[in-house]
Protein backbone atom coordinates (compact mmCIF):
# COMPACT_ATOMS: atom_id res chain seq x y z
CA UNK A 1 34.04 88.27 200.67
CA UNK A 2 30.29 86.62 201.49
CA UNK A 3 29.80 83.03 201.03
CA UNK A 4 25.87 82.05 200.76
CA UNK A 5 24.82 78.39 200.85
CA UNK A 6 20.89 78.00 199.44
CA UNK A 7 20.06 73.53 200.21
CA UNK A 8 17.01 72.07 199.01
CA UNK A 9 16.68 68.87 200.57
CA UNK A 10 15.96 66.34 198.47
CA UNK A 11 15.26 69.00 195.37
CA UNK A 12 16.41 66.60 192.86
CA UNK A 13 14.21 63.98 190.55
CA UNK A 14 13.73 62.32 188.27
CA UNK A 15 11.61 62.96 184.75
CA UNK A 16 8.28 62.72 185.54
CA UNK A 17 5.43 62.05 183.10
CA UNK A 18 3.12 64.46 184.00
CA UNK A 19 5.46 67.19 183.62
CA UNK A 20 6.46 66.13 179.69
CA UNK A 21 9.41 63.84 181.28
CA UNK A 22 10.82 67.27 183.07
CA UNK A 23 12.08 67.52 187.01
CA UNK A 24 10.83 70.10 188.96
CA UNK A 25 13.77 71.88 188.90
CA UNK A 26 13.48 72.31 185.09
CA UNK A 27 9.31 73.33 185.43
CA UNK A 28 9.89 75.56 188.76
CA UNK A 29 10.00 78.58 188.08
CA UNK A 30 13.29 80.20 190.15
CA UNK A 31 15.05 83.18 188.45
CA UNK A 32 17.11 84.07 190.92
CA UNK A 33 18.35 80.66 191.45
CA UNK A 34 18.93 80.51 187.60
CA UNK A 35 20.64 83.64 187.46
CA UNK A 36 23.21 81.57 189.69
CA UNK A 37 23.43 79.07 187.25
CA UNK A 38 23.34 80.72 184.30
CA UNK A 39 26.38 83.36 185.54
CA UNK A 40 28.51 80.96 187.09
CA UNK A 41 29.52 77.24 187.13
CA UNK A 42 26.95 74.42 187.08
CA UNK A 43 27.81 70.81 187.10
CA UNK A 44 27.20 67.14 189.10
CA UNK A 45 28.57 66.40 192.62
CA UNK A 46 28.09 63.22 194.25
CA UNK A 47 27.25 63.58 197.83
CA UNK A 48 26.29 60.07 198.94
CA UNK A 49 28.78 56.87 198.82
CA UNK A 50 28.48 52.94 197.78
CA UNK A 51 28.24 51.34 201.32
CA UNK A 52 26.94 54.13 203.27
CA UNK A 53 23.34 54.84 204.58
CA UNK A 54 21.72 57.28 201.54
CA UNK A 55 20.35 59.90 204.27
CA UNK A 56 20.47 63.27 204.69
CA UNK A 57 23.06 62.96 207.39
CA UNK A 58 26.23 61.33 204.56
CA UNK A 59 25.02 63.98 202.06
CA UNK A 60 24.72 67.02 204.51
CA UNK A 61 28.26 66.03 206.02
CA UNK A 62 30.33 65.35 202.73
CA UNK A 63 28.05 68.96 201.84
CA UNK A 64 29.86 70.70 204.51
CA UNK A 65 32.92 69.38 203.05
CA UNK A 66 33.83 66.48 206.03
CA UNK A 67 34.83 62.72 204.30
CA UNK A 68 31.84 60.46 206.18
CA UNK A 69 34.13 57.53 205.57
CA UNK A 70 35.91 59.13 208.50
CA UNK A 71 33.92 61.03 210.76
CA UNK A 72 30.50 59.54 210.25
CA UNK A 73 29.03 56.69 213.51
CA UNK A 74 25.71 57.33 212.59
CA UNK A 75 22.48 59.58 211.96
CA UNK A 76 21.11 59.72 215.32
CA UNK A 77 24.47 60.87 217.45
CA UNK A 78 24.25 63.77 215.25
CA UNK A 79 20.44 64.46 215.52
CA UNK A 80 20.96 64.31 219.40
CA UNK A 81 23.82 66.56 219.30
CA UNK A 82 21.81 69.13 217.40
CA UNK A 83 18.86 68.89 220.54
CA UNK A 84 21.69 69.71 222.66
CA UNK A 85 21.49 66.05 224.28
CA UNK A 86 25.09 65.67 226.06
CA UNK A 87 26.38 62.14 224.91
CA UNK A 88 28.95 59.66 226.82
CA UNK A 89 31.04 57.10 224.92
CA UNK A 90 28.44 54.37 226.84
CA UNK A 91 25.36 55.63 224.89
CA UNK A 92 23.98 54.05 221.81
CA UNK A 93 21.61 56.48 219.86
CA UNK A 94 18.68 55.84 218.15
CA UNK A 95 16.38 57.95 216.00
CA UNK A 96 12.65 57.13 216.65
CA UNK A 97 10.01 58.28 214.35
CA UNK A 98 6.06 57.62 215.39
CA UNK A 99 5.11 56.34 212.12
CA UNK A 100 1.69 55.36 211.21
CA UNK A 101 1.61 51.08 210.21
CA UNK A 102 -1.54 49.29 209.29
CA UNK A 103 -3.59 48.06 211.68
CA UNK A 104 -5.33 44.64 210.56
CA UNK A 105 -2.54 42.18 210.47
CA UNK A 106 -0.45 41.28 212.91
CA UNK A 107 2.90 43.11 214.20
CA UNK A 108 5.59 41.47 211.61
CA UNK A 109 3.46 41.62 208.63
CA UNK A 110 1.98 45.44 209.30
CA UNK A 111 2.23 47.88 206.70
CA UNK A 112 4.21 51.13 206.77
CA UNK A 113 1.72 53.77 205.88
CA UNK A 114 3.63 56.98 206.72
CA UNK A 115 6.66 57.41 208.51
CA UNK A 116 5.80 60.93 209.77
CA UNK A 117 2.15 60.25 211.48
CA UNK A 118 0.45 62.75 209.13
CA UNK A 119 2.61 65.31 210.24
CA UNK A 120 2.05 65.12 213.80
CA UNK A 121 1.95 68.00 216.25
CA UNK A 122 4.48 68.40 218.51
CA UNK A 123 2.04 68.91 221.23
CA UNK A 124 0.49 65.42 220.36
CA UNK A 125 3.68 63.94 220.02
CA UNK A 126 4.84 64.88 223.31
CA UNK A 127 1.66 63.35 224.78
CA UNK A 128 2.78 60.03 223.14
CA UNK A 129 6.02 60.25 224.24
CA UNK A 130 5.21 61.32 227.51
CA UNK A 131 3.29 56.96 227.17
CA UNK A 132 6.11 55.57 225.85
CA UNK A 133 8.33 56.79 228.51
CA UNK A 134 6.75 55.45 231.76
CA UNK A 135 6.35 52.26 229.87
CA UNK A 136 10.29 51.94 228.58
CA UNK A 137 12.77 54.40 230.45
CA UNK A 138 14.69 52.77 233.16
CA UNK A 139 18.46 53.90 234.79
CA UNK A 140 20.14 52.97 231.16
CA UNK A 141 17.17 54.25 228.45
CA UNK A 142 15.72 57.42 228.23
CA UNK A 143 13.63 58.95 225.43
CA UNK A 144 14.49 62.64 224.38
CA UNK A 145 11.96 64.91 222.75
CA UNK A 146 12.44 66.41 219.19
CA UNK A 147 10.07 68.03 216.63
CA UNK A 148 6.98 66.55 215.57
CA UNK A 149 7.85 62.57 214.52
CA UNK A 150 11.56 62.86 214.97
CA UNK A 151 12.54 61.94 218.61
CA UNK A 152 15.73 60.18 220.27
CA UNK A 153 16.23 57.23 222.33
CA UNK A 154 19.25 56.59 224.02
CA UNK A 155 20.43 52.95 225.73
CA UNK A 156 23.31 52.88 227.55
CA UNK A 157 26.15 50.00 227.47
CA UNK A 158 24.53 47.47 224.51
CA UNK A 159 26.44 47.06 221.36
CA UNK A 160 24.10 47.56 218.87
CA UNK A 161 26.18 46.95 215.22
CA UNK A 162 22.54 46.08 213.26
CA UNK A 163 21.24 48.52 210.97
CA UNK A 164 17.54 49.21 210.95
CA UNK A 165 15.67 50.40 207.78
CA UNK A 166 14.37 54.70 207.80
CA UNK A 167 11.16 54.06 207.73
CA UNK A 168 10.35 56.61 204.76
CA UNK A 169 12.59 54.19 202.63
CA UNK A 170 9.40 51.70 203.24
CA UNK A 171 6.81 53.39 202.09
CA UNK A 172 4.00 51.09 201.74
CA UNK A 173 5.65 48.11 201.85
CA UNK A 174 5.19 44.96 204.69
CA UNK A 175 7.78 45.51 207.45
CA UNK A 176 8.24 41.63 207.86
CA UNK A 177 12.24 41.93 205.79
CA UNK A 178 12.92 45.49 207.90
CA UNK A 179 12.58 44.11 211.44
CA UNK A 180 15.75 44.55 214.07
CA UNK A 181 18.11 41.78 214.02
CA UNK A 182 21.58 41.54 215.93
CA UNK A 183 22.59 40.60 219.53
CA UNK A 184 19.67 43.11 220.83
CA UNK A 185 16.84 42.56 218.08
CA UNK A 186 14.55 40.45 219.86
CA UNK A 187 14.79 43.50 222.79
CA UNK A 188 14.18 46.22 220.35
CA UNK A 189 11.64 44.15 218.31
CA UNK A 190 9.60 43.73 221.82
CA UNK A 191 9.74 47.80 222.75
CA UNK A 192 8.31 48.16 219.13
CA UNK A 193 5.52 45.71 219.56
CA UNK A 194 4.63 46.66 223.22
CA UNK A 195 5.03 50.45 222.19
CA UNK A 196 1.61 49.55 219.15
CA UNK A 197 -0.29 48.55 222.21
CA UNK A 198 0.74 51.42 223.94
CA UNK A 199 0.04 54.02 221.18
CA UNK A 200 -3.13 52.57 219.78
CA UNK A 201 -5.06 53.09 223.61
CA UNK A 202 -4.08 56.16 223.41
CA UNK A 203 -6.43 59.30 223.53
CA UNK A 204 -4.89 61.51 221.46
CA UNK A 205 -4.80 58.34 218.73
CA UNK A 206 -8.00 57.84 219.27
CA UNK A 207 -8.76 61.21 218.83
CA UNK A 208 -6.47 61.68 215.90
CA UNK A 209 -8.48 58.26 214.11
CA UNK A 210 -11.92 59.72 214.81
CA UNK A 211 -10.90 62.89 213.02
CA UNK A 212 -9.83 60.99 210.16
CA UNK A 213 -6.40 61.12 210.66
CA UNK A 214 -3.68 58.19 210.51
CA UNK A 215 -2.63 57.20 214.00
CA UNK A 216 0.59 57.48 215.57
CA UNK A 217 1.08 53.89 216.74
CA UNK A 218 4.27 52.90 216.64
CA UNK A 219 7.90 53.77 217.87
CA UNK A 220 10.22 52.71 215.16
CA UNK A 221 13.78 53.25 215.83
CA UNK A 222 16.54 53.53 213.35
CA UNK A 223 19.27 55.70 212.48
CA UNK A 224 21.54 53.63 215.60
CA UNK A 225 24.98 55.04 216.21
CA UNK A 226 27.14 56.46 219.03
CA UNK A 227 29.12 59.86 219.65
CA UNK A 228 30.78 61.40 216.90
CA UNK A 229 34.06 63.69 216.34
CA UNK A 230 33.14 66.50 213.69
CA UNK A 231 36.16 68.36 213.12
CA UNK A 232 36.04 72.44 213.39
CA UNK A 233 34.47 74.29 210.20
CA UNK A 234 36.94 77.09 211.06
CA UNK A 235 39.50 75.12 211.82
CA UNK A 236 39.29 73.31 208.53
CA UNK A 237 38.54 76.13 206.09
CA UNK A 238 39.47 79.33 207.97
CA UNK A 239 36.15 80.79 208.23
CA UNK A 240 33.17 80.87 210.65
CA UNK A 241 29.88 80.81 210.13
CA UNK A 242 26.18 80.44 210.64
CA UNK A 243 23.77 77.32 209.91
CA UNK A 244 20.07 77.98 209.70
CA UNK A 245 17.54 74.90 209.61
CA UNK A 246 14.19 73.46 211.06
CA UNK A 247 15.67 70.35 210.98
CA UNK A 248 17.70 68.79 214.68
CA UNK A 249 19.69 66.80 212.38
CA UNK A 250 21.34 69.65 210.29
CA UNK A 251 21.23 71.35 214.10
CA UNK A 252 23.45 68.46 215.21
CA UNK A 253 26.40 68.83 212.48
CA UNK A 254 26.02 72.52 212.68
CA UNK A 255 26.81 72.10 216.88
CA UNK A 256 29.08 69.57 215.82
CA UNK A 257 31.40 71.95 213.62
CA UNK A 258 31.54 74.20 215.65
CA UNK A 259 29.04 76.97 213.48
CA UNK A 260 26.37 78.77 214.82
CA UNK A 261 22.50 78.05 215.38
CA UNK A 262 20.22 80.11 214.03
CA UNK A 263 16.46 79.35 215.09
CA UNK A 264 13.72 80.61 212.96
CA UNK A 265 9.68 81.13 214.50
CA UNK A 266 7.31 79.11 212.44
CA UNK A 267 10.21 76.92 210.92
CA UNK A 268 8.81 73.80 210.42
CA UNK A 269 10.59 71.08 208.49
CA UNK A 270 7.92 70.64 206.73
CA UNK A 271 6.44 72.36 203.50
CA UNK A 272 4.58 75.17 205.56
CA UNK A 273 7.65 76.00 206.63
CA UNK A 274 8.97 79.98 207.67
CA UNK A 275 10.81 80.85 204.27
CA UNK A 276 10.62 84.36 204.61
CA UNK A 277 12.41 84.34 208.26
CA UNK A 278 14.69 82.06 207.20
CA UNK A 279 15.75 84.48 204.24
CA UNK A 280 15.53 86.80 207.13
CA UNK A 281 17.24 85.08 209.60
CA UNK A 282 20.44 84.98 206.83
CA UNK A 283 20.42 88.44 205.63
CA UNK A 284 20.75 89.43 209.86
CA UNK A 285 23.23 86.79 210.41
CA UNK A 286 25.90 88.79 207.27
CA UNK A 287 24.48 91.58 208.84
CA UNK A 288 26.37 90.63 211.96
CA UNK A 289 29.52 89.51 210.68
CA UNK A 290 29.02 85.64 209.93
CA UNK A 291 30.70 85.29 206.49
CA UNK A 292 29.53 82.25 205.57
CA UNK A 293 25.83 81.49 205.76
CA UNK A 294 24.12 77.56 205.07
CA UNK A 295 20.00 77.50 204.84
CA UNK A 296 18.79 74.46 204.73
CA UNK A 297 15.25 73.72 203.35
CA UNK A 298 13.90 70.47 204.45
CA UNK A 299 10.05 71.17 201.95
CA UNK A 300 11.52 69.56 198.70
CA UNK A 301 12.48 66.05 200.48
CA UNK A 302 9.25 66.02 202.56
CA UNK A 303 7.53 66.28 199.59
CA UNK A 304 9.10 63.86 197.44
CA UNK A 305 8.67 61.67 200.58
CA UNK A 306 5.24 62.15 200.07
CA UNK A 307 5.04 62.09 196.42
CA UNK A 308 3.40 65.39 196.24
CA UNK A 309 4.26 67.08 193.13
CA UNK A 310 2.20 69.66 192.69
CA UNK A 311 4.34 71.15 196.51
CA UNK A 312 7.61 70.06 195.60
CA UNK A 313 6.98 72.43 192.52
CA UNK A 314 5.96 74.92 194.66
CA UNK A 315 8.58 74.57 197.51
CA UNK A 316 11.27 75.09 195.28
CA UNK A 317 9.47 78.79 193.71
CA UNK A 318 9.13 79.64 197.56
CA UNK A 319 12.66 79.10 198.31
CA UNK A 320 13.44 81.07 194.96
CA UNK A 321 11.33 83.96 196.04
CA UNK A 322 11.23 84.32 199.59
CA UNK A 323 14.36 82.93 200.68
CA UNK A 324 17.30 83.36 197.58
CA UNK A 325 15.77 86.53 196.08
CA UNK A 326 15.74 88.83 199.25
CA UNK A 327 19.45 87.71 200.22
CA UNK A 328 20.42 87.84 196.79
CA UNK A 329 19.04 91.74 196.71
CA UNK A 330 20.94 92.42 200.14
CA UNK A 331 24.00 90.85 198.75
CA UNK A 332 24.06 93.00 195.99
CA UNK A 333 23.60 95.88 197.76
CA UNK A 334 26.44 94.82 200.38
CA UNK A 335 29.36 96.24 198.39
CA UNK A 336 30.94 93.39 198.98
CA UNK A 337 32.33 90.40 196.67
CA UNK A 338 30.20 87.38 197.12
CA UNK A 339 29.65 83.67 196.71
CA UNK A 340 26.95 81.65 196.24
CA UNK A 341 26.35 77.78 196.21
CA UNK A 342 23.03 76.71 195.18
CA UNK A 343 21.96 72.41 195.69
CA UNK A 344 19.97 69.74 196.99
CA UNK A 345 22.25 67.27 199.61
CA UNK A 346 20.53 64.61 197.02
CA UNK A 347 17.65 63.29 195.30
CA UNK A 348 14.32 62.21 196.60
CA UNK A 349 12.31 61.25 193.00
CA UNK A 350 8.44 61.32 193.30
CA UNK A 351 8.15 58.26 191.69
CA UNK A 352 10.48 56.06 194.26
CA UNK A 353 9.39 58.51 197.64
CA UNK A 354 13.19 58.00 198.70
CA UNK A 355 16.59 58.96 198.52
CA UNK A 356 18.71 58.02 195.70
CA UNK A 357 22.43 57.50 195.19
CA UNK A 358 23.18 59.47 191.93
CA UNK A 359 24.87 62.64 191.05
CA UNK A 360 23.04 66.14 191.21
CA UNK A 361 23.24 69.15 190.62
CA UNK A 362 25.27 72.48 191.63
CA UNK A 363 25.67 75.67 190.81
CA UNK A 364 28.49 77.76 192.25
CA UNK A 365 28.56 81.86 191.57
CA UNK A 366 31.03 84.26 191.95
CA UNK A 367 29.95 88.60 191.92
CA UNK A 368 31.25 89.65 188.69
CA UNK A 369 32.29 86.62 186.87
CA UNK A 370 30.77 85.27 183.79
CA UNK A 371 28.86 82.03 183.68
CA UNK A 372 27.72 78.71 181.88
CA UNK A 373 24.90 80.08 180.36
CA UNK A 374 22.39 77.49 181.73
CA UNK A 375 19.24 77.70 183.99
CA UNK A 376 19.66 75.10 186.96
CA UNK A 377 18.24 71.65 186.84
CA UNK A 378 19.58 67.91 186.41
CA UNK A 379 19.97 67.92 182.60
CA UNK A 380 21.56 70.94 182.09
CA UNK A 381 24.36 70.06 184.98
CA UNK A 382 25.12 66.70 183.07
CA UNK A 383 25.47 69.18 179.71
CA UNK A 384 28.13 70.59 181.81
CA UNK A 385 30.14 68.07 181.05
CA UNK A 386 31.55 68.45 185.26
CA UNK A 387 31.61 65.52 187.80
CA UNK A 388 32.79 66.39 191.54
CA UNK A 389 33.32 62.84 192.45
CA UNK A 390 33.07 63.19 195.85
CA UNK A 391 31.23 65.37 197.60
CA UNK A 392 33.22 66.22 200.59
CA UNK A 393 35.42 68.36 197.77
CA UNK A 394 33.02 70.66 196.97
CA UNK A 395 33.55 73.05 199.85
CA UNK A 396 37.11 73.50 199.41
CA UNK A 397 36.36 74.03 195.62
CA UNK A 398 33.26 76.67 196.22
CA UNK A 399 34.90 78.41 198.97
CA UNK A 400 38.48 78.63 196.38
CA UNK A 401 37.58 78.84 192.74
CA UNK A 402 37.55 81.96 191.30
CA UNK A 403 34.72 81.72 189.06
CA UNK A 404 34.53 81.33 185.43
């Protein structure tokens, strides 16, 4: 038996007036995903938990079958694992976003314009990080490169218990009510203010502004946490596997769970990612003996944060055509039974531009079995009457269920 998980980050949405109050999943042309739903099990699942962050860290932990309430220690430590950064018990890890904030007001009253600084390139980001390193690094504080706007800061021997707001949750809002607090709040705020002065004067940002791009003019710290302890996936479920993603967070989950991480050239974590390459990598992973393959695509989530309806629909269609279609063709012809799980990790509604806690649609297909006859979308999932209350129960259900 082969197992294929296709996770479109943030695919789920709310009815949109421009779509006659349908969702992107309802209008997108996705015949292969719809085939799995129509011939399989369709339902709803809760992947986010009340009282916990509404991020992809919590959601993907639960999708992989881990109860976040027992193993979650923060988002950034998981991303650090994904970047291969060794962690100790002394470390407090922060996600460092290079963000764009407004330039007119005093710092405390600036507006969060873009959590990704216009999808800043790696080359530009790394130059800016070098400047931040020169300004802030010392024996117990280090800054590490990630991808594009996503980076890591590790500060040893501090007890930072304050929860910082993810910048993508406050787009278009004043940062006034979301500044750092707690015992080290003044020091963190001081660094963020200094970063603004350093970055605004940097040649990279002067060139970006001259070219009409937003400057990456502030390091925004969030996602704080300590070294995690994620259980081994194979020991938990008796099956080994591989993960394909462009996002350090998901790579970190793979590394923590003992799943093989497969890098794909041209995979960006944005809309312009290498969809075809991810599909080809999934097929190779199966051919090389991996019984379980998990493909993660960030694009729909980024389109949701950017409120780009056209690209969100297009990203779903490209997932279907360039990843799901070739993988389905391979599985149909491999001479072995197989199962497929299709789902987002959470909803990222265009109207809200951030994640929301609500049940999301999943579809499970078992080769050779009959199904519900319903295409894959939020409304049909509601009609199914099926609800998995806790996301961390879904993986066991997927691996063990016999189909309908």
